[in-house]
Amino acid sequence: MQFDVSLRVRDLRTIATAAKAYEDLGYGALWSSETGRCPFLPLAIAATTTSRVGLGTAIAISFVRSPMVTALTAWDLQKASEGRFTLGLGTQVRAHNERRFSVPWTAPAPRVKELIQCIRAIWTSFQTNAPAAFSGQHYQFTLLTPTNNPGPIDHPDIPILLAAVNPIMCRTAGEVADGLQVHSFHSRRYLREVVRPSVEEGRRRAGKSPDGFKYMAALFCVTGYTKSEMEQSEHHARDRIAYYASTPGYRGVMDSHGWGAVADELKLMARRGEWDRMAGKITDEMLAEFAVVAPPERLGATIRAHCEGLLDRASLYMHVPPEDPDGRWRTVLRDLGQSPAAA
């Protein structure tokens, strides 16, 4: 497996230094998210200041950009990085689409399937000058003039990963994507019993082999050298788990463990704005299922055990600084078999 890192640096002026430091430590890839910033801009800087580390969005929200805008951005990043870019897409929930981004909401699975098909049709035209000839219910691509065609690149096969939690979207990922960005709110049981079988069903429906399909996730993590560090990261993990467990669309994860009643209670607490009390509903048993819990010297082995047989790539759902003065992240990378030379 590959161990990656979330590129959570907020200031674009420091991205170049941070990206190079992460690469030098030996991380497999840098993932940029659409949480309070554009997911693509940091990667544009990282693409030109690194030479080995992979780059990707985890995630870019699917419906807030047209297929052409997303296709052009990904094409530029793939060219600038010399083939190291992965396009990770996710649909987000209805409220964010309508009330934060002002875009209309429709059933997400068929729409994102069509979006990915349209993006790939655009890339084919860029690379081969094939006619613009995609027409769907939601998207169309029927015009591309020579002036607006960026032309071929050396690495045109850009992988697309789709974020998913529930079976329908997992099946959709299996049908049209190259991999799945597993939600951080998962357990090994949920991966084994729900996520992977749903993806495999999608692959069968599309007549595709399961070979080559990749699974990645950012893991909730409780770690630290001191009691204070452990307590702080534990509180953060419980808080995030409670937040996602309160989301009706993610209830299936709790149901798979028989914790649906807790999900209902958390949903009501969220509606009442009782955010600071919700973490207290996450028991030690829940924490052990949904997070990796270990001191730094055992974290690598714990991550490997969580991912074994289920995930191909992993990062941590926490800020991992590019500086590593006490060597804790070098230890994790070493224990996972990664180094600047091997990653």
Protein backbone atom coordinates (compact mmCIF):
# COMPACT_ATOMS: atom_id res chain seq x y z
CA MET A 1 0.00 0.00 0.00
CA GLN A 2 0.95 3.64 -0.39
CA PHE A 3 0.89 6.15 2.45
CA ASP A 4 -0.06 9.65 1.36
CA VAL A 5 -0.70 13.02 3.00
CA SER A 6 -3.43 15.64 2.82
CA LEU A 7 -2.14 18.96 1.53
CA ARG A 8 -3.89 21.12 4.12
CA VAL A 9 -1.62 24.16 3.81
CA ARG A 10 -3.91 27.20 3.51
CA ASP A 11 -1.47 29.85 2.29
CA LEU A 12 -0.61 29.43 -1.39
CA ARG A 13 2.66 31.26 -0.75
CA THR A 14 3.91 28.32 1.34
CA ILE A 15 2.66 25.47 -0.87
CA ALA A 16 5.92 25.10 -2.81
CA THR A 17 8.03 24.62 0.32
CA ALA A 18 5.50 22.29 1.96
CA ALA A 19 5.03 20.14 -1.14
CA LYS A 20 8.78 19.65 -1.56
CA ALA A 21 9.16 18.78 2.13
CA TYR A 22 6.40 16.16 1.92
CA GLU A 23 8.04 14.69 -1.18
CA ASP A 24 11.43 14.56 0.52
CA LEU A 25 9.94 12.70 3.50
CA GLY A 26 8.70 9.99 1.14
CA TYR A 27 4.93 10.33 0.94
CA GLY A 28 3.33 8.64 -2.04
CA ALA A 29 0.96 11.45 -3.02
CA LEU A 30 -0.36 14.86 -1.96
CA TRP A 31 -4.16 15.22 -1.89
CA SER A 32 -5.92 18.58 -1.98
CA SER A 33 -9.53 19.00 -0.86
CA GLU A 34 -12.32 21.48 -1.55
CA THR A 35 -12.80 22.53 2.05
CA GLY A 36 -12.71 26.31 2.18
CA ARG A 37 -10.47 26.68 -0.86
CA CYS A 38 -10.05 25.67 -4.49
CA PRO A 39 -8.66 22.12 -4.61
CA PHE A 40 -6.74 22.68 -7.84
CA LEU A 41 -4.64 25.79 -7.17
CA PRO A 42 -2.33 24.19 -4.56
CA LEU A 43 -1.68 21.31 -6.94
CA ALA A 44 -0.72 23.68 -9.74
CA ILE A 45 2.06 25.00 -7.52
CA ALA A 46 3.05 21.55 -6.29
CA ALA A 47 3.17 20.20 -9.85
CA THR A 48 5.96 22.59 -10.77
CA THR A 49 7.96 22.33 -7.54
CA THR A 50 8.06 18.53 -7.11
CA SER A 51 9.19 15.75 -9.43
CA ARG A 52 8.10 12.39 -7.97
CA VAL A 53 5.19 12.62 -5.56
CA GLY A 54 1.68 11.94 -6.88
CA LEU A 55 -0.90 14.75 -6.91
CA GLY A 56 -4.67 14.56 -6.68
CA THR A 57 -7.93 16.09 -5.57
CA ALA A 58 -9.66 14.46 -2.61
CA ILE A 59 -12.09 15.70 -3.53
CA ALA A 60 -13.16 18.31 -6.08
CA ILE A 61 -16.94 18.74 -5.95
CA SER A 62 -18.41 17.30 -9.11
CA PHE A 63 -21.36 19.47 -10.10
CA VAL A 64 -20.07 22.96 -9.31
CA ARG A 65 -17.94 23.10 -12.47
CA SER A 66 -18.84 22.27 -16.04
CA PRO A 67 -17.23 19.15 -17.58
CA MET A 68 -15.12 21.37 -19.84
CA VAL A 69 -13.77 23.46 -16.95
CA THR A 70 -12.84 20.34 -14.98
CA ALA A 71 -11.39 18.62 -18.03
CA LEU A 72 -9.19 21.61 -18.92
CA THR A 73 -7.93 22.03 -15.35
CA ALA A 74 -7.06 18.34 -15.05
CA TRP A 75 -5.37 18.38 -18.48
CA ASP A 76 -3.15 21.30 -17.47
CA LEU A 77 -2.24 19.65 -14.14
CA GLN A 78 -1.44 16.36 -15.82
CA LYS A 79 0.83 18.10 -18.30
CA ALA A 80 2.55 20.24 -15.65
CA SER A 81 3.14 17.24 -13.37
CA GLU A 82 4.29 15.00 -16.23
CA GLY A 83 1.65 12.38 -15.57
CA ARG A 84 1.33 12.46 -11.76
CA PHE A 85 -2.20 13.86 -11.44
CA THR A 86 -5.35 12.01 -10.36
CA LEU A 87 -8.79 13.61 -10.59
CA GLY A 88 -10.83 12.79 -7.51
CA LEU A 89 -14.49 13.79 -7.67
CA GLY A 90 -17.30 13.74 -5.13
CA THR A 91 -20.92 14.83 -5.34
CA GLN A 92 -21.29 16.43 -1.87
CA VAL A 93 -24.80 16.63 -0.39
CA ARG A 94 -27.79 18.54 -1.68
CA ALA A 95 -27.62 21.44 0.80
CA HIS A 96 -24.04 22.35 -0.14
CA ASN A 97 -24.76 22.17 -3.86
CA GLU A 98 -27.88 24.31 -3.69
CA ARG A 99 -27.18 26.66 -0.80
CA ARG A 100 -23.40 27.06 -0.89
CA PHE A 101 -22.60 26.71 -4.59
CA SER A 102 -25.96 27.74 -6.13
CA VAL A 103 -26.14 24.77 -8.47
CA PRO A 104 -29.28 22.68 -9.08
CA TRP A 105 -29.56 19.24 -7.50
CA THR A 106 -30.64 16.07 -9.26
CA ALA A 107 -30.15 12.39 -8.49
CA PRO A 108 -26.36 12.29 -8.01
CA ALA A 109 -25.42 8.80 -9.22
CA PRO A 110 -26.67 9.02 -12.83
CA ARG A 111 -25.52 12.61 -13.08
CA VAL A 112 -21.95 11.97 -11.91
CA LYS A 113 -21.76 8.93 -14.19
CA GLU A 114 -22.65 11.16 -17.14
CA LEU A 115 -20.22 13.84 -15.96
CA ILE A 116 -17.31 11.39 -15.94
CA GLN A 117 -18.26 10.08 -19.37
CA CYS A 118 -18.38 13.63 -20.71
CA ILE A 119 -15.00 14.54 -19.21
CA ARG A 120 -13.44 11.48 -20.80
CA ALA A 121 -15.00 12.35 -24.16
CA ILE A 122 -13.45 15.82 -23.89
CA TRP A 123 -10.04 14.36 -23.08
CA THR A 124 -10.29 12.05 -26.09
CA SER A 125 -10.95 15.04 -28.34
CA PHE A 126 -8.02 16.91 -26.81
CA GLN A 127 -5.69 14.00 -27.44
CA THR A 128 -6.91 12.66 -30.81
CA ASN A 129 -8.88 15.56 -32.30
CA ALA A 130 -11.93 13.30 -32.33
CA PRO A 131 -15.23 15.09 -33.01
CA ALA A 132 -17.02 16.65 -30.06
CA ALA A 133 -19.94 14.27 -29.87
CA PHE A 134 -21.25 13.69 -26.36
CA SER A 135 -24.92 14.36 -25.58
CA GLY A 136 -26.56 13.35 -22.33
CA GLN A 137 -29.44 14.32 -20.10
CA HIS A 138 -27.34 16.69 -18.00
CA TYR A 139 -24.25 17.48 -20.08
CA GLN A 140 -23.29 17.94 -23.67
CA PHE A 141 -20.03 18.39 -25.53
CA THR A 142 -20.69 19.07 -29.20
CA LEU A 143 -18.38 21.97 -29.99
CA LEU A 144 -14.61 22.24 -29.87
CA THR A 145 -12.89 24.70 -32.18
CA PRO A 146 -9.15 24.38 -32.96
CA THR A 147 -8.44 27.56 -31.02
CA ASN A 148 -9.91 26.06 -27.86
CA ASN A 149 -8.34 22.62 -28.13
CA PRO A 150 -5.20 22.46 -25.95
CA GLY A 151 -3.93 19.50 -27.95
CA PRO A 152 -2.28 16.21 -26.97
CA ILE A 153 -0.08 15.59 -23.94
CA ASP A 154 2.43 12.86 -23.09
CA HIS A 155 0.27 11.24 -20.37
CA PRO A 156 -3.37 11.49 -21.50
CA ASP A 157 -4.77 8.66 -19.35
CA ILE A 158 -5.76 10.61 -16.24
CA PRO A 159 -7.16 8.36 -13.50
CA ILE A 160 -10.54 9.35 -12.08
CA LEU A 161 -11.50 8.40 -8.54
CA LEU A 162 -15.04 8.81 -7.25
CA ALA A 163 -15.92 9.41 -3.61
CA ALA A 164 -18.67 7.18 -2.24
CA VAL A 165 -20.25 5.97 0.98
CA ASN A 166 -23.46 4.18 0.07
CA PRO A 167 -23.97 1.17 -2.23
CA ILE A 168 -25.48 3.07 -5.19
CA MET A 169 -22.54 5.44 -5.51
CA CYS A 170 -20.06 2.62 -4.90
CA ARG A 171 -21.63 0.71 -7.80
CA THR A 172 -21.41 3.85 -9.93
CA ALA A 173 -17.71 4.16 -9.11
CA GLY A 174 -17.21 0.56 -10.16
CA GLU A 175 -18.93 1.26 -13.47
CA VAL A 176 -17.17 4.44 -14.60
CA ALA A 177 -14.19 5.29 -12.35
CA ASP A 178 -10.68 3.94 -11.92
CA GLY A 179 -10.87 3.89 -8.15
CA LEU A 180 -12.86 4.75 -5.07
CA GLN A 181 -12.17 7.48 -2.55
CA VAL A 182 -13.59 5.78 0.51
CA HIS A 183 -15.11 8.18 3.02
CA SER A 184 -13.13 8.58 6.23
CA PHE A 185 -16.26 7.48 8.08
CA HIS A 186 -15.91 3.75 7.47
CA SER A 187 -14.90 0.57 9.24
CA ARG A 188 -13.21 -2.57 8.01
CA ARG A 189 -16.57 -4.35 8.29
CA TYR A 190 -18.31 -1.72 6.18
CA LEU A 191 -15.55 -1.90 3.56
CA ARG A 192 -15.70 -5.69 3.46
CA GLU A 193 -19.47 -6.15 3.56
CA VAL A 194 -20.82 -3.09 1.71
CA VAL A 195 -18.26 -1.00 -0.16
CA ARG A 196 -16.18 -3.57 -2.02
CA PRO A 197 -19.09 -5.87 -3.01
CA SER A 198 -20.97 -2.84 -4.38
CA VAL A 199 -17.96 -1.71 -6.41
CA GLU A 200 -17.48 -5.23 -7.74
CA GLU A 201 -21.14 -5.36 -8.77
CA GLY A 202 -20.64 -2.13 -10.70
CA ARG A 203 -17.59 -3.54 -12.43
CA ARG A 204 -19.58 -6.64 -13.46
CA ARG A 205 -22.45 -4.50 -14.77
CA ALA A 206 -20.01 -2.55 -16.94
CA GLY A 207 -18.23 -5.71 -18.12
CA LYS A 208 -15.01 -4.63 -16.46
CA SER A 209 -12.46 -6.66 -14.57
CA PRO A 210 -11.93 -5.82 -10.88
CA ASP A 211 -8.19 -5.77 -11.59
CA GLY A 212 -6.56 -2.37 -11.38
CA PHE A 213 -9.38 -0.68 -9.49
CA LYS A 214 -7.92 1.21 -6.50
CA TYR A 215 -9.31 1.99 -3.05
CA MET A 216 -8.02 4.90 -0.99
CA ALA A 217 -9.12 6.62 2.21
CA ALA A 218 -8.10 9.28 4.71
CA LEU A 219 -8.24 7.59 8.12
CA PHE A 220 -9.40 9.08 11.38
CA CYS A 221 -6.42 8.83 13.70
CA VAL A 222 -5.67 8.99 17.41
CA THR A 223 -1.95 9.33 18.09
CA GLY A 224 0.60 11.28 20.09
CA TYR A 225 3.72 10.88 22.22
CA THR A 226 2.18 12.46 25.32
CA LYS A 227 -1.11 11.98 27.16
CA SER A 228 -2.12 15.51 26.16
CA GLU A 229 -1.44 14.82 22.48
CA MET A 230 -3.40 11.57 22.60
CA GLU A 231 -6.35 13.24 24.33
CA GLN A 232 -6.39 16.10 21.84
CA SER A 233 -6.36 13.85 18.78
CA GLU A 234 -8.91 11.52 20.40
CA HIS A 235 -11.32 14.41 20.94
CA HIS A 236 -10.89 15.52 17.33
CA ALA A 237 -11.53 11.99 16.05
CA ARG A 238 -14.65 11.53 18.21
CA ASP A 239 -15.93 14.93 17.10
CA ARG A 240 -15.52 14.14 13.39
CA ILE A 241 -16.98 10.65 13.74
CA ALA A 242 -20.01 12.07 15.57
CA TYR A 243 -20.47 14.73 12.89
CA TYR A 244 -20.53 12.21 10.06
CA ALA A 245 -22.60 9.69 12.04
CA SER A 246 -25.26 12.40 12.45
CA THR A 247 -25.60 12.76 8.66
CA PRO A 248 -28.68 10.84 7.45
CA GLY A 249 -27.00 9.84 4.21
CA TYR A 250 -24.23 8.05 6.11
CA ARG A 251 -26.48 6.15 8.51
CA GLY A 252 -25.74 2.88 6.74
CA VAL A 253 -22.24 2.86 8.22
CA MET A 254 -23.71 2.93 11.75
CA ASP A 255 -26.42 0.43 10.83
CA SER A 256 -23.77 -2.07 9.73
CA HIS A 257 -22.64 -2.23 13.37
CA GLY A 258 -26.10 -2.08 14.94
CA TRP A 259 -25.67 1.55 16.03
CA GLY A 260 -28.56 3.08 14.10
CA ALA A 261 -30.21 4.36 17.28
CA VAL A 262 -27.07 6.35 18.13
CA ALA A 263 -27.09 7.82 14.62
CA ASP A 264 -30.68 8.94 15.15
CA GLU A 265 -29.77 10.55 18.47
CA LEU A 266 -26.81 12.35 16.91
CA LYS A 267 -29.00 13.60 14.07
CA LEU A 268 -31.40 15.19 16.57
CA MET A 269 -28.52 16.70 18.53
CA ALA A 270 -27.14 18.25 15.33
CA ARG A 271 -30.53 19.75 14.52
CA ARG A 272 -30.62 21.31 17.99
CA GLY A 273 -27.10 22.70 17.50
CA GLU A 274 -25.63 20.60 20.30
CA TRP A 275 -22.34 20.16 18.45
CA ASP A 276 -20.13 20.30 21.53
CA ARG A 277 -21.94 17.36 23.16
CA MET A 278 -22.01 14.99 20.21
CA ALA A 279 -18.49 13.60 20.60
CA GLY A 280 -19.52 12.16 23.96
CA LYS A 281 -21.85 9.73 22.17
CA ILE A 282 -18.94 8.02 20.42
CA THR A 283 -17.96 5.06 22.59
CA ASP A 284 -14.52 3.48 22.82
CA GLU A 285 -15.84 0.59 20.73
CA MET A 286 -16.96 2.97 17.99
CA LEU A 287 -13.64 4.81 18.09
CA ALA A 288 -11.76 1.54 17.63
CA GLU A 289 -13.90 0.67 14.59
CA PHE A 290 -13.74 4.03 12.85
CA ALA A 291 -10.21 5.23 13.68
CA VAL A 292 -6.64 3.97 13.87
CA VAL A 293 -5.46 4.37 17.46
CA ALA A 294 -1.77 4.01 18.28
CA PRO A 295 1.29 5.93 19.49
CA PRO A 296 3.66 7.02 16.70
CA GLU A 297 5.99 4.04 17.17
CA ARG A 298 3.11 1.64 16.41
CA LEU A 299 1.09 3.79 14.05
CA GLY A 300 2.57 2.38 10.85
CA ALA A 301 1.72 -1.19 11.84
CA THR A 302 -1.78 -0.13 12.91
CA ILE A 303 -2.41 1.63 9.60
CA ARG A 304 -1.22 -1.43 7.70
CA ALA A 305 -3.53 -3.70 9.72
CA HIS A 306 -6.50 -1.42 9.03
CA CYS A 307 -5.82 -1.32 5.29
CA GLU A 308 -4.73 -4.91 4.71
CA GLY A 309 -6.77 -6.53 1.96
CA LEU A 310 -9.16 -3.57 1.72
CA LEU A 311 -7.34 -0.33 0.85
CA ASP A 312 -4.52 0.40 -1.59
CA ARG A 313 -3.70 3.91 -0.42
CA ALA A 314 -4.21 5.74 2.85
CA SER A 315 -3.59 9.10 4.45
CA LEU A 316 -4.69 10.54 7.78
CA TYR A 317 -7.70 12.76 8.41
CA MET A 318 -5.62 15.27 10.33
CA HIS A 319 -3.02 17.91 9.65
CA VAL A 320 0.36 16.26 9.23
CA PRO A 321 2.94 19.06 9.14
CA PRO A 322 5.65 19.05 6.48
CA GLU A 323 8.19 19.55 9.26
CA ASP A 324 9.15 16.40 11.18
CA PRO A 325 11.54 17.50 13.94
CA ASP A 326 10.97 14.49 16.21
CA GLY A 327 11.01 11.96 13.34
CA ARG A 328 7.58 10.51 14.07
CA TRP A 329 6.41 10.61 10.45
CA ARG A 330 9.70 9.21 9.19
CA THR A 331 9.05 6.30 11.56
CA VAL A 332 5.56 5.75 10.17
CA LEU A 333 6.80 5.92 6.58
CA ARG A 334 9.66 3.56 7.34
CA ASP A 335 7.33 1.06 8.98
CA LEU A 336 5.10 1.20 5.91
CA GLY A 337 8.08 0.52 3.66
CA GLN A 338 8.28 4.01 2.18
CA SER A 339 11.23 6.30 1.82
CA PRO A 340 12.16 9.06 -0.64
CA ALA A 341 13.83 6.42 -2.78
CA ALA A 342 11.11 3.75 -2.53
CA ALA A 343 7.90 5.81 -2.57
